[in-house]
Every structure is written in C-alpha cells, then in structure tokens.
Amino acid sequence: MKEKVVILGAGESGKGAAILAKKQGYEVFVSDYSPIPNAIKKLLEELEINWEEGQHSGTAMTGAKWVVKSPGIPEKAAIIQSLRAEGHIILSEIEFASRFTDAVIIGITGSNGKTTTTLMTYEILKNAGFNVGLAGNIGQSFAQQVAEDNYDYYVLEISSFQLDDIQKFAPHVAVITNITPDHLDRYNYDFNAYLKAKLNITKNQKSKDWILFNEDDPILTNFLLDQKPKAKLLPFGLLPKAEGTSFQNDKIFINKNEQMNTIDTLGFPFSGKHNMLNAMAAATIGNLLNISDASIRDCLSHFKGAPHRMENVLTIQKVKYINDSKATNVNATFFALDSIETPIVWIVGGVDKGNDYESLLPLVNRKVKAIICLGVDNEKLKASFGNVCEIWVETQSMQEAVKVAHKVASEKETVLLSPACASFDLFNNYEDRGEQFKNAVRNL
C-alpha cells in the first residue's frame, strides 16, 4: 500500500507539492478551504489526484505520512491545531521539495530586498553558465521544478512563512538581507518570534556552509551571533569593515579568506542604498561560487530590477510616477522615500500588519508634499501623519488615487505608490495593486 501525502492549499506551492508527491509514488490528496481554480482541478484529475474544496475534512488526513502546508495557512488555523494534536508531521513545500534534490541550494530571506537579491543572484549564475533554477516565493514552485527539471543549483526566495515548517532544509549559502518588524499579526505581535522564524534558514547548516548577513542591521547581527550558527559567517554592509563585503568609492570589496576582490559599480542601472546592499549580497554569492568579478559586474550592469519594486512607470508633464507596490512593510517604504530627491506625492495604505510608522516621520516631514490614503481603514495612518502634511486625501480605488495625485503633483515632483501595507483589502495581491497603478497612470 502506498504511503500518503496530504497537501493543504491548492495554490502555486500546493500544486507543485502535489506534482512532486505523485511523481515520487505517494498517494496524494489535496485539500483547500477555498474554491480550487478550474485549471488546477483539471491538472489534479489528469494526475489522478483526489481533492476537496471548501473544507478540510479531518478523515481525509488519516494515515498521512506527511502534511505539506501552504505558507498562507497560519499556525493558529483550526486544521493545523487539530493535525498537530493528532501527531501529524507538517512540512513546508520548501522542506518537502528539498528532500528530493541533490542540487546546491542558495536560500535568500529577509524583511526587504529578498526578491531583488534573489533575481540578481539568479542572473549572475545564469549569465556565468550555471544550470540554475529560480523558485520559492517567486515564480514557479520549488517542488514543481524539482519534479520536472534537473537543475544543479537553485536560487530560492524564502519567506518566514515558508521557514516556519522546516525540519532538515539546509541551504549551502543562506542570505539574510535585514530584519525589521513585518507580518507581526502572524506571530502574535512578537518581533522575537518573527526573528526566530527568519533565522530558521541557518539552523540545519553545517560548517561547510555559508551565512551572509547584513552587518549594518544591529538587531540581526546581535541575534545571529547569539545563535552561534555552525555555518561560516560572512557579513556585508555599507559601513567599512575588516572582513566580509564592504562598499567604498563606488566599488564593492569582497574580502574572503584574506583575498580581496573588487567590483566597480559605476554604470549600475539602479540607485539607493538598499539596492547596493542587494547587489553586494548577490556579488558575494557569485564570488563564493568562483564566478569572476568581470562576469558579476557585467550581469549587474544590465540588471532590470524586480517588478513592482521602485519601477519607473511614466513621466507625465514632468511628473515621475513610480510603482513600489511590493513595499508591503514600513522598512521597504523607508528605503523608497529615502531614495527619492524630489518632493513626493505619496500613495499609501492597505492592510496594516502591526506597523509602527514612527521611523518614517523624519522622511515624511522633509520630503512628502501630499499623502493619498488608499485603504479601507486609514485611521492608524491618519493618527501618524494627519498633522504632518497639509494635503491629506482618502480614496477607495487606485483610479481615484492616481487622479488625485495627478491633480496635486507639480513639475519635477514624484508620485510614489509605496503602500507600507498588505494589499488584500482592495486588491488580490501586491502585483494586482501595482498593475492597477500602472494602468491608471497610463490612462491619465
């Protein structure tokens, strides 16, 4: 009799886990509390995989060797509590997929910058001729790629939700870009719990592995040093340092084992301190894998950036419109506001995840001309910034927000969508929010 694997959630990660489990010869059952899209139902039926929607029936879980959980399902969900009480082994899709590949894994996490760093790293490896896949919290699921492809390397963007349910997962190179309060609603508003979830990325690493971390982040640095990980520590940051990767005079210096490599950054097509930190992390990974400085520089010189992250949309009547919809937390918005030199008309708001806006006040005071709120509940934003800007407008649609911004903005100013919040009150996700912004700008 076949061993059984239950997949909770039929989204991208669930679909991939189901495909991989079936290929590995397991009896597979997919359960989703929401309706399952018709295309996924058709795929499951073609693979002869049983499924249910609109419920998680406990009897269907009976006898499962593993339960693979979608990262979107919180620990406090009734089905998770019930399964844990019954002694079921619950795995993340990242953990499950890693058990069926011998590829070298590069795992990148952090509150901000992980998507850009992941894309930069992937492009550096691909440009150097590596047989490499891109997966995790970006693109096609890791599990599906393990099932259908035969990559020698994987570059994975990994969220804290995906790290919550790992047991043996151990990337050869782990990167932590930074740690700032985010998703606190998922961690009982306990920052230390969120911090520990992120640090799971290194808990199974061995002495042959590497952990790259942003040394400019004192909370991350102190917490990591307290943990005493087995992996070799390699810091990066904009402040000068004796070891690790640093930045001076428009050059990235990578100091590894007393050997110095230098990468000239003049001509890089991105700006801002945050992007330089991302580039430093990606360049260091390339260096660890013995990719030449010239190849790394060539790749980063042509890097186009992540969609919905400080994306230049259009300039209309000498007003620049920037889509930073991927800024779903305060720290990401801090970097966005900090990187813009012109007066800003700021579109902000959405689902608050336990945000503390205090760190934004100096930037808003100095740079923001007008605030346009875009969300169902704007009370916290109003309490934080209502007395800071003379122009304060509440809107309920992206089209309305962009029209107001267009009226308010003057020549040589910037309209910035950088919400600092999740998108689920008015949009399907941050991509939907960003696309609606771009369409609204194009329709002006």
Protein backbone atom coordinates (compact mmCIF):
# COMPACT_ATOMS: atom_id res chain seq x y z
CA MET A 1 0.00 0.00 0.00
CA LYS A 2 1.29 3.45 -0.97
CA GLU A 3 2.25 5.96 1.70
CA LYS A 4 0.02 9.04 1.76
CA VAL A 5 0.86 12.74 1.45
CA VAL A 6 -1.81 15.38 2.12
CA ILE A 7 -1.40 18.83 0.57
CA LEU A 8 -3.15 21.74 2.31
CA GLY A 9 -3.81 24.53 -0.18
CA ALA A 10 -4.03 24.28 -3.97
CA GLY A 11 -2.11 27.44 -4.87
CA GLU A 12 1.30 27.55 -6.55
CA SER A 13 3.14 25.75 -3.73
CA GLY A 14 0.36 23.20 -3.22
CA LYS A 15 0.13 22.40 -6.91
CA GLY A 16 3.89 21.88 -7.09
CA ALA A 17 3.94 19.71 -3.98
CA ALA A 18 1.14 17.55 -5.40
CA ILE A 19 3.01 17.06 -8.70
CA LEU A 20 6.21 16.09 -6.87
CA ALA A 21 4.48 13.77 -4.39
CA LYS A 22 2.71 11.97 -7.24
CA LYS A 23 5.97 11.58 -9.17
CA GLN A 24 7.61 10.11 -6.06
CA GLY A 25 4.92 7.42 -5.92
CA TYR A 26 2.82 8.64 -2.99
CA GLU A 27 -0.93 8.52 -2.68
CA VAL A 28 -1.80 12.23 -2.82
CA PHE A 29 -4.79 14.16 -1.52
CA VAL A 30 -5.24 17.93 -1.95
CA SER A 31 -7.48 19.88 0.42
CA ASP A 32 -8.29 23.58 0.09
CA TYR A 33 -10.60 25.60 2.33
CA SER A 34 -11.27 27.96 -0.61
CA PRO A 35 -12.56 27.10 -4.08
CA ILE A 36 -9.91 25.45 -6.29
CA PRO A 37 -9.42 27.09 -9.72
CA ASN A 38 -10.72 25.01 -12.62
CA ALA A 39 -7.28 24.77 -14.24
CA ILE A 40 -5.85 23.23 -11.05
CA LYS A 41 -8.80 20.80 -10.77
CA LYS A 42 -8.18 19.69 -14.35
CA LEU A 43 -4.48 19.11 -13.63
CA LEU A 44 -5.21 17.13 -10.46
CA GLU A 45 -7.73 14.95 -12.30
CA GLU A 46 -5.24 14.32 -15.12
CA LEU A 47 -2.73 13.17 -12.48
CA GLU A 48 -5.44 11.05 -10.78
CA ILE A 49 -5.08 13.03 -7.55
CA ASN A 50 -8.13 13.25 -5.28
CA TRP A 51 -9.11 16.67 -3.94
CA GLU A 52 -11.66 18.58 -1.90
CA GLU A 53 -12.55 22.28 -1.74
CA GLY A 54 -14.46 24.48 0.69
CA GLN A 55 -13.37 22.39 3.67
CA HIS A 56 -10.58 20.47 5.39
CA SER A 57 -12.21 17.18 6.33
CA GLY A 58 -10.24 15.51 9.10
CA THR A 59 -10.97 11.98 7.87
CA ALA A 60 -9.11 12.73 4.63
CA MET A 61 -5.93 13.32 6.62
CA THR A 62 -5.99 9.92 8.31
CA GLY A 63 -2.86 7.87 7.72
CA ALA A 64 -0.84 10.64 6.08
CA LYS A 65 2.94 10.25 6.33
CA TRP A 66 3.36 13.98 5.75
CA VAL A 67 1.08 17.01 5.54
CA VAL A 68 2.53 19.71 3.25
CA LYS A 69 1.13 23.09 4.27
CA SER A 70 0.67 26.18 2.11
CA PRO A 71 2.62 29.14 3.55
CA GLY A 72 -0.62 31.11 3.56
CA ILE A 73 -2.20 28.92 6.27
CA PRO A 74 -1.41 30.31 9.75
CA GLU A 75 -0.34 28.13 12.65
CA LYS A 76 -3.48 29.11 14.58
CA ALA A 77 -5.80 27.68 11.89
CA ALA A 78 -8.10 25.02 13.36
CA ILE A 79 -6.95 22.33 10.90
CA ILE A 80 -3.29 22.86 11.84
CA GLN A 81 -4.03 22.74 15.56
CA SER A 82 -6.04 19.56 15.05
CA LEU A 83 -3.35 17.88 12.93
CA ARG A 84 -0.62 18.74 15.44
CA ALA A 85 -2.73 17.35 18.29
CA GLU A 86 -3.05 14.10 16.32
CA GLY A 87 0.73 13.91 15.88
CA HIS A 88 0.91 14.58 12.12
CA ILE A 89 4.21 15.73 10.63
CA ILE A 90 3.61 19.10 8.96
CA LEU A 91 6.15 20.31 6.38
CA SER A 92 6.50 23.41 4.24
CA GLU A 93 6.71 22.94 0.47
CA ILE A 94 10.36 24.12 0.64
CA GLU A 95 11.18 21.37 3.15
CA PHE A 96 9.27 18.71 1.18
CA ALA A 97 10.93 19.57 -2.16
CA SER A 98 14.43 19.75 -0.68
CA ARG A 99 14.19 16.07 0.27
CA PHE A 100 14.10 15.05 -3.40
CA THR A 101 17.01 17.02 -4.89
CA ASP A 102 20.80 16.94 -4.53
CA ALA A 103 21.17 20.39 -6.11
CA VAL A 104 23.15 23.16 -4.40
CA ILE A 105 20.61 25.47 -2.73
CA ILE A 106 21.06 29.20 -2.21
CA GLY A 107 18.34 30.45 0.15
CA ILE A 108 17.60 34.18 0.48
CA THR A 109 15.35 35.64 3.17
CA GLY A 110 14.84 38.95 4.97
CA SER A 111 12.14 41.52 5.55
CA ASN A 112 13.11 43.54 2.45
CA GLY A 113 15.33 43.10 -0.56
CA LYS A 114 14.98 39.34 -0.86
CA THR A 115 13.23 39.39 -4.26
CA THR A 116 15.77 41.76 -5.82
CA THR A 117 18.72 39.88 -4.27
CA THR A 118 17.26 36.57 -5.49
CA LEU A 119 16.82 37.87 -9.05
CA MET A 120 20.31 39.41 -9.08
CA THR A 121 21.84 36.15 -7.83
CA TYR A 122 19.92 34.04 -10.35
CA GLU A 123 21.01 36.30 -13.22
CA ILE A 124 24.66 36.20 -12.08
CA LEU A 125 24.65 32.39 -12.02
CA LYS A 126 22.73 32.04 -15.27
CA ASN A 127 25.00 34.58 -17.01
CA ALA A 128 28.02 32.54 -15.85
CA GLY A 129 26.64 29.37 -17.46
CA PHE A 130 25.28 27.61 -14.37
CA ASN A 131 22.38 25.14 -14.75
CA VAL A 132 20.19 27.05 -12.29
CA GLY A 133 16.52 27.30 -11.29
CA LEU A 134 14.67 30.22 -9.69
CA ALA A 135 11.92 29.35 -7.21
CA GLY A 136 10.47 29.70 -3.71
CA ASN A 137 8.46 32.81 -3.04
CA ILE A 138 8.95 33.86 -6.67
CA GLY A 139 7.94 32.26 -9.96
CA GLN A 140 7.13 28.56 -10.26
CA SER A 141 7.15 26.49 -7.09
CA PHE A 142 10.33 24.79 -5.92
CA ALA A 143 8.56 21.42 -5.70
CA GLN A 144 7.32 21.54 -9.28
CA GLN A 145 10.78 22.40 -10.57
CA VAL A 146 12.31 19.51 -8.59
CA ALA A 147 9.67 17.23 -10.16
CA GLU A 148 10.04 18.43 -13.74
CA ASP A 149 13.58 19.84 -14.15
CA ASN A 150 17.10 18.72 -13.37
CA TYR A 151 18.91 21.82 -12.13
CA ASP A 152 22.31 21.67 -10.43
CA TYR A 153 21.63 24.89 -8.48
CA TYR A 154 18.52 26.57 -7.10
CA VAL A 155 18.22 30.19 -6.00
CA LEU A 156 15.25 30.37 -3.63
CA GLU A 157 13.50 33.43 -2.25
CA ILE A 158 12.15 32.22 1.10
CA SER A 159 9.61 33.92 3.37
CA SER A 160 9.32 33.44 7.12
CA PHE A 161 6.08 31.53 6.49
CA GLN A 162 7.99 29.01 4.36
CA LEU A 163 10.67 28.68 7.05
CA ASP A 164 8.14 28.02 9.83
CA ASP A 165 7.77 24.34 8.95
CA ILE A 166 11.25 23.16 8.01
CA GLN A 167 12.99 20.21 9.66
CA LYS A 168 16.07 19.30 7.62
CA PHE A 169 16.21 22.06 4.99
CA ALA A 170 19.78 23.42 4.83
CA PRO A 171 20.93 25.74 2.03
CA HIS A 172 24.64 25.71 1.16
CA VAL A 173 24.50 29.52 1.09
CA ALA A 174 21.92 31.33 3.24
CA VAL A 175 21.40 35.09 2.99
CA ILE A 176 19.55 37.35 5.43
CA THR A 177 19.15 40.79 3.87
CA ASN A 178 17.75 42.51 7.00
CA ILE A 179 15.18 42.02 9.75
CA THR A 180 12.55 44.65 10.52
CA PRO A 181 9.06 44.26 12.01
CA ASP A 182 6.77 42.62 9.43
CA HIS A 183 3.94 40.08 9.47
CA LEU A 184 3.68 40.60 13.23
CA ASP A 185 -0.03 39.78 13.00
CA ARG A 186 1.07 36.23 12.07
CA TYR A 187 3.48 36.00 15.04
CA ASN A 188 1.21 37.24 17.84
CA TYR A 189 2.81 40.69 17.53
CA ASP A 190 6.05 39.23 18.91
CA PHE A 191 9.10 40.51 16.99
CA ASN A 192 11.37 37.85 18.52
CA ALA A 193 9.11 35.09 17.18
CA TYR A 194 9.36 36.62 13.69
CA LEU A 195 13.14 36.95 14.08
CA LYS A 196 13.47 33.29 15.06
CA ALA A 197 11.40 32.24 12.05
CA LYS A 198 13.81 34.05 9.73
CA LEU A 199 16.84 32.52 11.48
CA ASN A 200 15.44 29.04 10.78
CA ILE A 201 17.22 29.36 7.44
CA THR A 202 20.54 28.58 9.13
CA LYS A 203 19.51 26.13 11.86
CA ASN A 204 20.42 22.99 9.87
CA GLN A 205 23.51 24.34 8.12
CA LYS A 206 26.92 22.69 8.65
CA SER A 207 30.44 24.07 8.90
CA LYS A 208 30.91 23.71 5.11
CA ASP A 209 28.01 26.14 4.52
CA TRP A 210 27.84 29.94 4.50
CA ILE A 211 25.55 32.51 6.10
CA LEU A 212 25.68 36.00 4.56
CA PHE A 213 24.11 38.72 6.67
CA ASN A 214 23.67 42.50 6.65
CA GLU A 215 26.04 43.72 9.33
CA ASP A 216 24.53 47.23 9.15
CA ASP A 217 21.45 45.74 10.85
CA PRO A 218 22.46 45.60 14.57
CA ILE A 219 19.40 43.60 15.68
CA LEU A 220 20.07 40.90 13.08
CA THR A 221 23.82 40.87 13.77
CA ASN A 222 23.46 40.54 17.55
CA PHE A 223 20.75 37.89 17.31
CA LEU A 224 22.74 35.87 14.79
CA LEU A 225 25.92 35.98 16.84
CA ASP A 226 23.95 34.87 19.92
CA GLN A 227 22.64 31.87 17.98
CA LYS A 228 26.21 30.71 17.19
CA PRO A 229 25.35 29.03 13.86
CA LYS A 230 27.60 26.25 12.54
CA ALA A 231 27.87 27.85 9.09
CA LYS A 232 30.70 30.23 8.25
CA LEU A 233 29.66 33.85 8.83
CA LEU A 234 30.24 36.37 6.05
CA PRO A 235 28.97 39.92 6.71
CA PHE A 236 28.17 42.57 4.12
CA GLY A 237 27.26 46.23 4.59
CA LEU A 238 27.85 49.82 3.60
CA LEU A 239 29.96 50.58 6.68
CA PRO A 240 33.72 49.89 6.33
CA LYS A 241 34.78 46.59 7.88
CA ALA A 242 37.89 44.43 8.07
CA GLU A 243 36.24 41.27 6.76
CA GLY A 244 33.29 40.43 4.57
CA THR A 245 31.89 42.66 1.82
CA SER A 246 32.02 46.44 2.01
CA PHE A 247 31.43 49.46 -0.23
CA GLN A 248 33.70 52.47 -0.75
CA ASN A 249 34.37 54.93 -3.58
CA ASP A 250 31.76 53.33 -5.89
CA LYS A 251 33.36 49.91 -5.51
CA ILE A 252 32.26 46.66 -3.86
CA PHE A 253 35.12 44.98 -1.95
CA ILE A 254 34.72 41.27 -1.19
CA ASN A 255 37.22 40.08 1.43
CA LYS A 256 37.15 36.30 1.78
CA ASN A 257 39.97 34.30 3.33
CA GLU A 258 42.23 37.38 3.13
CA GLN A 259 41.75 37.57 -0.65
CA MET A 260 40.25 40.84 -1.92
CA ASN A 261 38.01 41.07 -4.98
CA THR A 262 36.83 44.42 -6.34
CA ILE A 263 33.74 45.20 -8.44
CA ASP A 264 33.28 48.69 -9.90
CA THR A 265 29.62 49.81 -9.56
CA LEU A 266 29.76 52.86 -11.86
CA GLY A 267 27.12 52.39 -14.54
CA PHE A 268 24.87 50.10 -12.49
CA PRO A 269 21.28 50.88 -13.61
CA PHE A 270 19.80 51.05 -10.09
CA SER A 271 20.10 53.54 -7.26
CA GLY A 272 19.59 53.73 -3.50
CA LYS A 273 21.45 52.24 -0.55
CA HIS A 274 19.05 49.30 -0.38
CA ASN A 275 19.82 48.26 -3.96
CA MET A 276 23.56 48.49 -3.35
CA LEU A 277 23.16 46.17 -0.34
CA ASN A 278 21.23 43.74 -2.54
CA ALA A 279 23.96 43.90 -5.18
CA MET A 280 26.66 43.33 -2.54
CA ALA A 281 24.92 40.18 -1.30
CA ALA A 282 24.43 38.83 -4.82
CA ALA A 283 28.03 39.65 -5.80
CA THR A 284 29.31 37.86 -2.69
CA ILE A 285 27.34 34.74 -3.59
CA GLY A 286 28.85 34.85 -7.09
CA ASN A 287 32.30 35.16 -5.54
CA LEU A 288 31.68 32.15 -3.26
CA LEU A 289 30.82 30.13 -6.36
CA ASN A 290 34.04 31.28 -8.08
CA ILE A 291 32.34 33.47 -10.69
CA SER A 292 34.72 36.14 -11.97
CA ASP A 293 34.43 39.79 -10.94
CA ALA A 294 34.07 40.77 -14.61
CA SER A 295 31.12 38.39 -15.11
CA ILE A 296 29.39 39.63 -11.93
CA ARG A 297 29.85 43.27 -12.93
CA ASP A 298 28.62 42.64 -16.48
CA CYS A 299 25.47 40.97 -15.18
CA LEU A 300 24.65 43.65 -12.59
CA SER A 301 25.28 46.38 -15.19
CA HIS A 302 22.34 45.02 -17.18
CA PHE A 303 20.02 44.18 -14.27
CA LYS A 304 16.49 45.45 -14.91
CA GLY A 305 15.08 45.18 -11.38
CA ALA A 306 12.15 43.35 -9.80
CA PRO A 307 8.62 44.16 -10.99
CA HIS A 308 6.67 46.45 -8.61
CA ARG A 309 9.86 47.47 -6.78
CA MET A 310 10.74 51.14 -7.44
CA GLU A 311 9.55 50.63 -11.01
CA ASN A 312 9.57 53.77 -13.19
CA VAL A 313 6.20 53.80 -14.96
CA LEU A 314 5.94 57.09 -16.88
CA THR A 315 6.84 60.77 -16.70
CA ILE A 316 3.79 62.92 -17.46
CA GLN A 317 4.04 66.72 -17.60
CA LYS A 318 7.47 66.42 -15.91
CA VAL A 319 5.99 64.41 -13.01
CA LYS A 320 7.56 60.98 -12.45
CA TYR A 321 5.29 58.06 -11.46
CA ILE A 322 6.95 55.19 -9.54
CA ASN A 323 5.37 51.82 -8.72
CA ASP A 324 6.68 50.39 -5.44
CA SER A 325 3.65 48.20 -4.73
CA LYS A 326 5.92 45.46 -3.39
CA ALA A 327 6.69 47.71 -0.39
CA THR A 328 4.32 45.92 1.97
CA ASN A 329 6.07 46.99 5.17
CA VAL A 330 7.43 50.15 6.77
CA ASN A 331 11.12 49.42 6.15
CA ALA A 332 10.58 48.95 2.40
CA THR A 333 8.75 52.27 2.22
CA PHE A 334 11.54 53.91 4.24
CA PHE A 335 14.04 52.93 1.53
CA ALA A 336 11.70 54.18 -1.20
CA LEU A 337 11.16 57.60 0.40
CA ASP A 338 14.86 57.87 1.23
CA SER A 339 15.97 57.21 -2.36
CA ILE A 340 13.84 59.99 -3.95
CA GLU A 341 15.28 63.51 -4.04
CA THR A 342 12.23 65.43 -5.36
CA PRO A 343 9.08 66.42 -3.44
CA ILE A 344 6.79 63.38 -3.17
CA VAL A 345 3.07 62.76 -3.54
CA TRP A 346 2.80 59.55 -1.56
CA ILE A 347 0.07 56.92 -2.12
CA VAL A 348 -0.01 54.73 1.00
CA GLY A 349 -2.28 52.30 2.84
CA GLY A 350 -3.88 48.87 2.87
CA VAL A 351 -3.99 46.12 5.47
CA ASP A 352 -1.85 47.07 8.47
CA LYS A 353 0.29 44.18 9.77
CA GLY A 354 1.18 45.72 13.10
CA ASN A 355 3.13 48.62 11.58
CA ASP A 356 4.98 51.27 13.57
CA TYR A 357 5.23 54.35 11.33
CA GLU A 358 7.46 56.41 13.62
CA SER A 359 10.65 55.75 11.61
CA LEU A 360 9.02 57.35 8.55
CA LEU A 361 8.18 60.67 10.23
CA PRO A 362 11.51 62.47 9.54
CA LEU A 363 11.39 61.50 5.85
CA VAL A 364 7.71 62.42 5.51
CA ASN A 365 8.34 65.77 7.20
CA ARG A 366 11.21 66.54 4.87
CA LYS A 367 10.06 65.09 1.55
CA VAL A 368 6.34 64.41 1.33
CA LYS A 369 4.12 67.15 -0.07
CA ALA A 370 0.84 65.23 -0.02
CA ILE A 371 -0.48 61.92 1.33
CA ILE A 372 -3.15 59.98 -0.54
CA CYS A 373 -4.53 57.09 1.52
CA LEU A 374 -5.65 54.00 -0.34
CA GLY A 375 -7.28 51.53 2.03
CA VAL A 376 -10.45 50.51 3.80
CA ASP A 377 -9.16 51.53 7.24
CA ASN A 378 -6.84 54.56 7.32
CA GLU A 379 -7.19 55.51 11.00
CA LYS A 380 -3.68 54.44 12.04
CA LEU A 381 -2.12 56.29 9.12
CA LYS A 382 -4.18 59.36 9.93
CA ALA A 383 -3.06 59.26 13.56
CA SER A 384 0.58 59.00 12.44
CA PHE A 385 0.67 61.51 9.58
CA GLY A 386 -2.57 63.51 9.68
CA ASN A 387 -0.84 66.58 11.11
CA VAL A 388 2.34 66.25 9.05
CA CYS A 389 1.09 67.13 5.55
CA GLU A 390 -1.29 69.91 4.59
CA ILE A 391 -2.72 67.78 1.78
CA TRP A 392 -4.36 64.58 3.06
CA VAL A 393 -6.87 62.70 0.88
CA GLU A 394 -8.61 59.36 1.45
CA THR A 395 -9.53 57.25 -1.59
CA GLN A 396 -11.12 53.85 -2.16
CA SER A 397 -9.79 52.88 -5.61
CA MET A 398 -6.49 53.04 -7.45
CA GLN A 399 -8.02 55.03 -10.31
CA GLU A 400 -9.25 57.68 -7.87
CA ALA A 401 -5.90 57.78 -6.02
CA VAL A 402 -3.93 58.32 -9.24
CA LYS A 403 -6.32 61.01 -10.47
CA VAL A 404 -5.95 62.91 -7.19
CA ALA A 405 -2.16 62.51 -7.32
CA HIS A 406 -2.12 63.88 -10.87
CA LYS A 407 -4.04 66.99 -9.74
CA VAL A 408 -1.82 67.57 -6.71
CA ALA A 409 1.63 66.94 -8.24
CA SER A 410 3.63 69.74 -9.87
CA GLU A 411 6.54 69.70 -12.31
CA LYS A 412 9.71 67.92 -11.14
CA GLU A 413 7.86 66.07 -8.37
CA THR A 414 7.32 62.33 -7.92
CA VAL A 415 4.12 60.36 -7.41
CA LEU A 416 5.13 57.30 -5.41
CA LEU A 417 2.96 54.25 -4.74
CA SER A 418 4.69 52.71 -1.72
CA PRO A 419 1.89 51.35 0.49
CA ALA A 420 3.81 50.05 3.56
CA CYS A 421 0.83 47.68 3.96
CA ALA A 422 -0.57 44.44 2.56
CA SER A 423 -2.98 44.69 -0.35
CA PHE A 424 -5.83 42.34 0.48
CA ASP A 425 -8.47 44.92 1.43
CA LEU A 426 -8.87 46.29 -2.11
CA PHE A 427 -6.68 44.07 -4.33
CA ASN A 428 -5.90 40.41 -4.99
CA ASN A 429 -2.20 40.88 -4.12
CA TYR A 430 0.59 43.43 -4.46
CA GLU A 431 1.02 42.53 -8.16
CA ASP A 432 -2.63 43.36 -8.84
CA ARG A 433 -2.22 46.63 -6.93
CA GLY A 434 0.89 47.53 -8.95
CA GLU A 435 -0.71 46.66 -12.28
CA GLN A 436 -3.77 48.76 -11.45
CA PHE A 437 -1.45 51.67 -10.59
CA LYS A 438 0.41 51.36 -13.90
CA ASN A 439 -2.84 51.13 -15.88
CA ALA A 440 -4.30 54.16 -14.07
CA VAL A 441 -1.15 56.18 -14.82
CA ARG A 442 -1.21 55.18 -18.50
CA ASN A 443 -4.87 56.26 -18.70
CA LEU A 444 -4.18 59.79 -17.44
